[in-house]
Amino acid sequence: MEFPLKIKVNVNKKKTEVINSDPFVLNVKEKAEKDKANLEIIKFLSKYFGKKIKIVKGLKSKNKIIDLI
């Protein structure tokens, strides 16, 4: 997988999980309020990829771009 990576996020779902890898789609358990969903995305994807990540673009959007730190 190449970084930076475009991802689509669906919030307020039953659990946090990767739905599809091409294009990358992620369901997130948290709601999109007070940065809860963004923090969950960072935590989950850092564990998923085994490296620290950051959200480069799309903090208030369903479509985000993430990159390695």
N, C-alpha and C. Protein backbone atom coordinates (compact mmCIF):
# COMPACT_ATOMS: atom_id res chain seq x y z
N MET A 1 0.83 -1.17 0.00
CA MET A 1 0.00 0.00 0.00
C MET A 1 0.88 1.24 0.00
N GLU A 2 0.51 2.19 -0.82
CA GLU A 2 1.30 3.42 -0.93
C GLU A 2 0.75 4.51 -0.03
N PHE A 3 1.64 5.26 0.55
CA PHE A 3 1.27 6.40 1.37
C PHE A 3 1.74 7.66 0.68
N PRO A 4 1.03 8.78 0.77
CA PRO A 4 -0.21 8.97 1.50
C PRO A 4 -1.35 8.14 0.89
N LEU A 5 -2.31 7.76 1.74
CA LEU A 5 -3.39 6.87 1.37
C LEU A 5 -4.73 7.59 1.52
N LYS A 6 -5.57 7.49 0.49
CA LYS A 6 -6.92 8.04 0.56
C LYS A 6 -7.82 7.00 1.20
N ILE A 7 -8.62 7.44 2.17
CA ILE A 7 -9.56 6.52 2.81
C ILE A 7 -10.94 7.17 2.88
N LYS A 8 -11.96 6.33 2.93
CA LYS A 8 -13.33 6.79 3.16
C LYS A 8 -13.75 6.23 4.50
N VAL A 9 -14.39 7.06 5.32
CA VAL A 9 -14.75 6.68 6.67
C VAL A 9 -16.27 6.74 6.85
N ASN A 10 -16.82 5.67 7.42
CA ASN A 10 -18.23 5.63 7.81
C ASN A 10 -18.26 5.61 9.34
N VAL A 11 -18.91 6.61 9.94
CA VAL A 11 -18.90 6.74 11.40
C VAL A 11 -20.17 6.18 12.02
N ASN A 12 -20.12 6.02 13.35
CA ASN A 12 -21.25 5.57 14.15
C ASN A 12 -21.72 4.17 13.73
N LYS A 13 -20.78 3.28 13.52
CA LYS A 13 -21.08 1.90 13.13
C LYS A 13 -20.96 0.98 14.34
N LYS A 14 -21.29 -0.28 14.17
CA LYS A 14 -21.29 -1.24 15.27
C LYS A 14 -19.89 -1.48 15.83
N LYS A 15 -18.88 -1.56 14.95
CA LYS A 15 -17.50 -1.72 15.41
C LYS A 15 -16.54 -1.10 14.40
N THR A 16 -15.31 -0.86 14.86
CA THR A 16 -14.29 -0.29 13.99
C THR A 16 -13.62 -1.42 13.23
N GLU A 17 -13.67 -1.34 11.90
CA GLU A 17 -13.09 -2.39 11.07
C GLU A 17 -12.86 -1.89 9.65
N VAL A 18 -11.91 -2.53 8.97
CA VAL A 18 -11.65 -2.24 7.56
C VAL A 18 -12.67 -3.02 6.74
N ILE A 19 -13.39 -2.33 5.88
CA ILE A 19 -14.42 -2.96 5.04
C ILE A 19 -13.85 -3.37 3.70
N ASN A 20 -13.01 -2.51 3.13
CA ASN A 20 -12.46 -2.75 1.80
C ASN A 20 -11.07 -2.14 1.75
N SER A 21 -10.17 -2.77 0.99
CA SER A 21 -8.81 -2.24 0.93
C SER A 21 -8.50 -1.50 -0.37
N ASP A 22 -9.34 -1.65 -1.39
CA ASP A 22 -9.11 -0.92 -2.64
C ASP A 22 -10.43 -0.58 -3.30
N PRO A 23 -10.99 0.56 -3.10
CA PRO A 23 -10.51 1.69 -2.30
C PRO A 23 -10.65 1.39 -0.81
N PHE A 24 -9.82 2.05 -0.02
CA PHE A 24 -9.76 1.78 1.42
C PHE A 24 -10.99 2.39 2.10
N VAL A 25 -11.82 1.54 2.70
CA VAL A 25 -13.03 1.99 3.40
C VAL A 25 -12.97 1.47 4.83
N LEU A 26 -13.26 2.35 5.77
CA LEU A 26 -13.15 2.04 7.19
C LEU A 26 -14.45 2.39 7.91
N ASN A 27 -15.00 1.44 8.66
CA ASN A 27 -16.12 1.72 9.55
C ASN A 27 -15.55 2.07 10.92
N VAL A 28 -16.10 3.11 11.54
CA VAL A 28 -15.62 3.56 12.84
C VAL A 28 -16.77 3.56 13.83
N LYS A 29 -16.52 3.02 15.01
CA LYS A 29 -17.54 2.91 16.05
C LYS A 29 -17.95 4.26 16.61
N GLU A 30 -17.01 5.17 16.74
CA GLU A 30 -17.26 6.47 17.37
C GLU A 30 -18.07 7.40 16.47
N LYS A 31 -18.71 8.38 17.10
CA LYS A 31 -19.45 9.41 16.37
C LYS A 31 -18.49 10.50 15.91
N ALA A 32 -18.91 11.25 14.91
CA ALA A 32 -18.08 12.34 14.37
C ALA A 32 -18.32 13.63 15.15
N GLU A 33 -18.00 13.61 16.42
CA GLU A 33 -18.12 14.80 17.25
C GLU A 33 -16.95 14.87 18.21
N LYS A 34 -16.47 16.08 18.43
CA LYS A 34 -15.35 16.34 19.35
C LYS A 34 -14.12 15.50 19.01
N ASP A 35 -13.87 15.27 17.74
CA ASP A 35 -12.69 14.53 17.24
C ASP A 35 -12.62 13.07 17.70
N LYS A 36 -13.71 12.53 18.23
CA LYS A 36 -13.71 11.15 18.69
C LYS A 36 -13.43 10.18 17.55
N ALA A 37 -14.06 10.39 16.40
CA ALA A 37 -13.87 9.49 15.26
C ALA A 37 -12.43 9.59 14.73
N ASN A 38 -11.89 10.80 14.63
CA ASN A 38 -10.51 10.96 14.14
C ASN A 38 -9.50 10.28 15.06
N LEU A 39 -9.70 10.39 16.35
CA LEU A 39 -8.79 9.73 17.30
C LEU A 39 -8.89 8.21 17.18
N GLU A 40 -10.10 7.70 16.99
CA GLU A 40 -10.29 6.27 16.80
C GLU A 40 -9.64 5.79 15.50
N ILE A 41 -9.72 6.59 14.44
CA ILE A 41 -9.09 6.26 13.16
C ILE A 41 -7.58 6.15 13.34
N ILE A 42 -6.98 7.14 13.98
CA ILE A 42 -5.53 7.14 14.19
C ILE A 42 -5.11 5.94 15.02
N LYS A 43 -5.81 5.68 16.11
CA LYS A 43 -5.49 4.56 16.98
C LYS A 43 -5.62 3.22 16.24
N PHE A 44 -6.72 3.03 15.54
CA PHE A 44 -6.97 1.76 14.85
C PHE A 44 -5.99 1.54 13.70
N LEU A 45 -5.79 2.55 12.86
CA LEU A 45 -4.92 2.37 11.69
C LEU A 45 -3.44 2.28 12.09
N SER A 46 -3.04 2.92 13.17
CA SER A 46 -1.66 2.76 13.65
C SER A 46 -1.40 1.30 14.03
N LYS A 47 -2.38 0.69 14.67
CA LYS A 47 -2.25 -0.72 15.04
C LYS A 47 -2.35 -1.61 13.79
N TYR A 48 -3.25 -1.27 12.87
CA TYR A 48 -3.47 -2.05 11.65
C TYR A 48 -2.22 -2.10 10.77
N PHE A 49 -1.58 -0.94 10.58
CA PHE A 49 -0.39 -0.87 9.73
C PHE A 49 0.91 -1.13 10.50
N GLY A 50 0.86 -1.10 11.82
CA GLY A 50 2.05 -1.31 12.64
C GLY A 50 3.00 -0.12 12.65
N LYS A 51 2.49 1.03 12.26
CA LYS A 51 3.28 2.27 12.24
C LYS A 51 2.38 3.42 12.65
N LYS A 52 2.98 4.49 13.15
CA LYS A 52 2.19 5.66 13.52
C LYS A 52 1.73 6.39 12.26
N ILE A 53 0.49 6.85 12.30
CA ILE A 53 -0.07 7.58 11.17
C ILE A 53 -0.62 8.92 11.64
N LYS A 54 -0.89 9.78 10.66
CA LYS A 54 -1.56 11.05 10.95
C LYS A 54 -2.53 11.34 9.83
N ILE A 55 -3.55 12.12 10.14
CA ILE A 55 -4.51 12.55 9.12
C ILE A 55 -3.98 13.84 8.52
N VAL A 56 -3.67 13.80 7.25
CA VAL A 56 -3.07 14.94 6.56
C VAL A 56 -4.15 15.90 6.06
N LYS A 57 -5.26 15.34 5.58
CA LYS A 57 -6.31 16.17 5.01
C LYS A 57 -7.67 15.52 5.28
N GLY A 58 -8.67 16.34 5.54
CA GLY A 58 -10.02 15.83 5.70
C GLY A 58 -10.45 15.60 7.14
N LEU A 59 -9.98 16.43 8.05
CA LEU A 59 -10.34 16.26 9.46
C LEU A 59 -11.85 16.35 9.70
N LYS A 60 -12.56 17.10 8.86
CA LYS A 60 -14.00 17.25 9.03
C LYS A 60 -14.77 16.66 7.86
N SER A 61 -14.18 15.67 7.20
CA SER A 61 -14.78 15.06 6.02
C SER A 61 -14.77 13.55 6.15
N LYS A 62 -15.65 12.88 5.39
CA LYS A 62 -15.64 11.42 5.34
C LYS A 62 -14.47 10.90 4.52
N ASN A 63 -14.01 11.72 3.59
CA ASN A 63 -12.86 11.37 2.76
C ASN A 63 -11.61 11.99 3.36
N LYS A 64 -10.65 11.14 3.69
CA LYS A 64 -9.44 11.61 4.37
C LYS A 64 -8.20 11.13 3.63
N ILE A 65 -7.11 11.81 3.90
CA ILE A 65 -5.80 11.36 3.42
C ILE A 65 -4.94 11.15 4.65
N ILE A 66 -4.39 9.94 4.77
CA ILE A 66 -3.52 9.63 5.91
C ILE A 66 -2.11 9.38 5.41
N ASP A 67 -1.14 9.60 6.30
CA ASP A 67 0.25 9.37 5.96
C ASP A 67 0.99 8.87 7.18
N LEU A 68 2.13 8.27 6.94
CA LEU A 68 2.97 7.80 8.04
C LEU A 68 3.68 8.96 8.70
N ILE A 69 3.93 8.85 9.98
CA ILE A 69 4.69 9.89 10.70
C ILE A 69 6.15 9.55 10.60
